[in-house]
């Protein structure tokens, strides 16, 4: 039996989830518009070994809006974006990541978890396959639900590229 894991390729803007049976599912994602990097405040996607530290949003309606990891009571739609054009839309589910490499992506000014880096849903009109997030890994809502339903806290996540 294989242990579940997530492999994220920043260069290709793809994610591969390998389930406990060894089956694989590939997703097109959107990582940071600023590219890879570990520093707090860089709005880059951190690289290296991570784990899923928390799963947030189990059972939430697709397009549920989260702010500060809490549902706002809003359901995303384009008119909501027009009212709040500067929002970083975190929708549907959140897999909160924690770095595993002290000095590289854990602790101090490079701590992935303290940077609030997630795998999360995004509006359907957000382009996937192109960098564009503020540091997180964006996914289609239906796909983040599928991933969330198959991932446990502690699942290994490798981010490279």
Protein backbone atom coordinates (compact mmCIF):
# COMPACT_ATOMS: atom_id res chain seq x y z
CA UNK A 1 0.00 0.00 0.00
CA UNK A 2 1.31 3.43 -1.03
CA UNK A 3 1.06 6.49 1.20
CA UNK A 4 -0.90 9.40 -0.30
CA UNK A 5 1.17 12.33 -1.53
CA UNK A 6 0.88 15.53 -3.53
CA UNK A 7 3.55 16.66 -5.99
CA UNK A 8 3.35 20.26 -7.29
CA UNK A 9 5.45 21.35 -10.27
CA UNK A 10 5.64 25.17 -10.36
CA UNK A 11 7.31 25.18 -13.78
CA UNK A 12 4.50 23.18 -15.40
CA UNK A 13 1.74 24.56 -13.10
CA UNK A 14 0.55 21.02 -12.39
CA UNK A 15 -0.24 18.89 -9.38
CA UNK A 16 -0.24 15.12 -9.15
CA UNK A 17 -2.08 13.44 -6.30
CA UNK A 18 -1.08 9.84 -5.65
CA UNK A 19 -3.66 8.00 -3.57
CA UNK A 20 -3.05 5.16 -1.12
CA UNK A 21 -3.77 2.58 -3.86
CA UNK A 22 -1.06 4.11 -6.05
CA UNK A 23 -3.58 5.65 -8.44
CA UNK A 24 -2.71 9.11 -9.74
CA UNK A 25 -4.81 12.14 -10.59
CA UNK A 26 -3.30 15.17 -12.33
CA UNK A 27 -4.62 18.73 -12.00
CA UNK A 28 -3.75 22.03 -13.68
CA UNK A 29 -3.15 24.68 -10.99
CA UNK A 30 -2.15 28.32 -10.68
CA UNK A 31 0.70 29.13 -8.30
CA UNK A 32 2.23 32.52 -7.40
CA UNK A 33 2.45 35.25 -9.98
CA UNK A 34 5.75 36.21 -8.30
CA UNK A 35 7.17 32.71 -8.86
CA UNK A 36 8.84 30.46 -6.30
CA UNK A 37 10.25 31.77 -3.03
CA UNK A 38 10.11 31.25 0.68
CA UNK A 39 10.40 34.72 2.27
CA UNK A 40 7.51 36.16 4.25
CA UNK A 41 5.90 39.03 2.34
CA UNK A 42 7.26 37.86 -1.04
CA UNK A 43 3.89 36.60 -2.36
CA UNK A 44 5.85 33.67 -3.81
CA UNK A 45 5.00 29.98 -3.60
CA UNK A 46 7.33 28.17 -1.17
CA UNK A 47 9.23 25.13 -2.37
CA UNK A 48 10.32 21.96 -0.64
CA UNK A 49 8.76 19.35 1.61
CA UNK A 50 5.45 20.24 3.25
CA UNK A 51 2.51 18.52 4.90
CA UNK A 52 -1.19 19.27 4.97
CA UNK A 53 -1.51 20.78 8.46
CA UNK A 54 -5.25 21.49 8.40
CA UNK A 55 -8.31 20.75 6.27
CA UNK A 56 -10.89 23.56 6.27
CA UNK A 57 -14.32 23.72 4.67
CA UNK A 58 -15.51 20.12 4.81
CA UNK A 59 -19.08 20.08 3.53
CA UNK A 60 -19.14 23.77 2.54
CA UNK A 61 -21.12 24.65 -0.57
CA UNK A 62 -19.00 25.09 -3.73
CA UNK A 63 -17.91 28.73 -4.11
CA UNK A 64 -18.17 29.40 -0.37
CA UNK A 65 -16.00 32.47 0.32
CA UNK A 66 -13.36 32.20 3.06
CA UNK A 67 -11.57 35.10 4.73
CA UNK A 68 -9.09 34.32 7.49
CA UNK A 69 -9.93 30.61 7.00
CA UNK A 70 -13.54 31.25 8.05
CA UNK A 71 -16.60 31.18 5.80
CA UNK A 72 -18.00 34.68 5.34
CA UNK A 73 -21.54 33.49 4.57
CA UNK A 74 -21.06 34.61 0.95
CA UNK A 75 -21.22 32.43 -2.14
CA UNK A 76 -18.91 33.71 -4.86
CA UNK A 77 -20.41 35.07 -8.08
CA UNK A 78 -19.05 37.61 -10.60
CA UNK A 79 -21.15 40.45 -9.15
CA UNK A 80 -19.47 39.90 -5.77
CA UNK A 81 -16.07 40.27 -7.46
CA UNK A 82 -17.25 43.54 -9.03
CA UNK A 83 -18.17 44.83 -5.55
CA UNK A 84 -14.84 43.70 -4.03
CA UNK A 85 -12.29 43.87 -6.88
CA UNK A 86 -9.18 43.70 -4.65
CA UNK A 87 -10.06 40.50 -2.79
CA UNK A 88 -7.90 37.40 -3.08
CA UNK A 89 -10.70 34.87 -3.59
CA UNK A 90 -10.25 31.76 -1.45
CA UNK A 91 -13.17 29.48 -2.20
CA UNK A 92 -14.77 26.11 -1.43
CA UNK A 93 -12.00 24.23 0.49
CA UNK A 94 -8.62 24.99 2.10
CA UNK A 95 -5.68 22.64 2.61
CA UNK A 96 -3.33 24.65 4.85
CA UNK A 97 0.33 23.76 4.28
CA UNK A 98 3.18 23.59 6.77
CA UNK A 99 6.84 23.42 5.80
CA UNK A 100 9.03 20.54 7.00
CA UNK A 101 12.50 22.02 6.43
CA UNK A 102 13.68 24.35 9.24
CA UNK A 103 15.41 27.42 7.84
CA UNK A 104 14.06 26.80 4.33
CA UNK A 105 10.25 26.66 4.62
CA UNK A 106 9.71 26.30 8.36
CA UNK A 107 10.23 28.74 11.25
CA UNK A 108 11.46 32.33 11.17
CA UNK A 109 10.84 34.49 8.10
CA UNK A 110 10.35 31.48 5.80
CA UNK A 111 7.54 29.66 7.65
CA UNK A 112 4.97 28.42 5.12
CA UNK A 113 2.22 28.01 7.69
CA UNK A 114 2.71 31.50 9.16
CA UNK A 115 2.59 32.82 5.59
CA UNK A 116 -0.89 31.27 5.27
CA UNK A 117 -0.06 29.27 2.15
CA UNK A 118 -2.92 27.00 1.07
CA UNK A 119 -4.21 24.79 -1.68
CA UNK A 120 -7.66 26.28 -2.29
CA UNK A 121 -10.49 26.78 -4.76
CA UNK A 122 -10.64 29.82 -7.04
CA UNK A 123 -13.28 31.51 -9.21
CA UNK A 124 -14.07 29.53 -12.35
CA UNK A 125 -12.86 32.35 -14.59
CA UNK A 126 -9.36 32.38 -13.04
CA UNK A 127 -6.92 31.01 -15.59
CA UNK A 128 -5.24 27.76 -14.60
CA UNK A 129 -1.90 26.66 -16.01
CA UNK A 130 -0.51 30.19 -15.56
CA UNK A 131 1.04 31.71 -12.41
CA UNK A 132 -1.25 34.28 -10.82
CA UNK A 133 -1.88 33.66 -7.12
CA UNK A 134 -0.51 35.60 -4.15
CA UNK A 135 1.55 32.54 -3.10
CA UNK A 136 -1.08 29.83 -2.70
CA UNK A 137 -1.95 26.98 -5.04
CA UNK A 138 -5.25 27.71 -6.79
CA UNK A 139 -7.47 24.96 -8.18
CA UNK A 140 -10.84 24.61 -9.86
CA UNK A 141 -13.59 24.25 -7.25
CA UNK A 142 -14.79 20.79 -8.32
CA UNK A 143 -11.18 19.58 -8.35
CA UNK A 144 -10.29 20.99 -4.92
CA UNK A 145 -13.36 19.20 -3.51
CA UNK A 146 -12.19 15.95 -5.11
CA UNK A 147 -8.66 16.41 -3.74
CA UNK A 148 -9.90 17.48 -0.29
CA UNK A 149 -12.12 14.39 -0.03
CA UNK A 150 -9.08 12.16 -0.63
CA UNK A 151 -6.45 13.95 1.48
CA UNK A 152 -5.87 13.57 5.20
CA UNK A 153 -4.07 15.87 7.61
CA UNK A 154 -0.39 14.95 7.46
CA UNK A 155 -0.38 14.13 3.73
CA UNK A 156 3.05 14.86 2.24
CA UNK A 157 3.26 17.73 -0.26
CA UNK A 158 6.37 18.35 -2.39
CA UNK A 159 6.60 21.68 -4.21
CA UNK A 160 9.35 22.14 -6.80
CA UNK A 161 10.18 24.01 -9.98
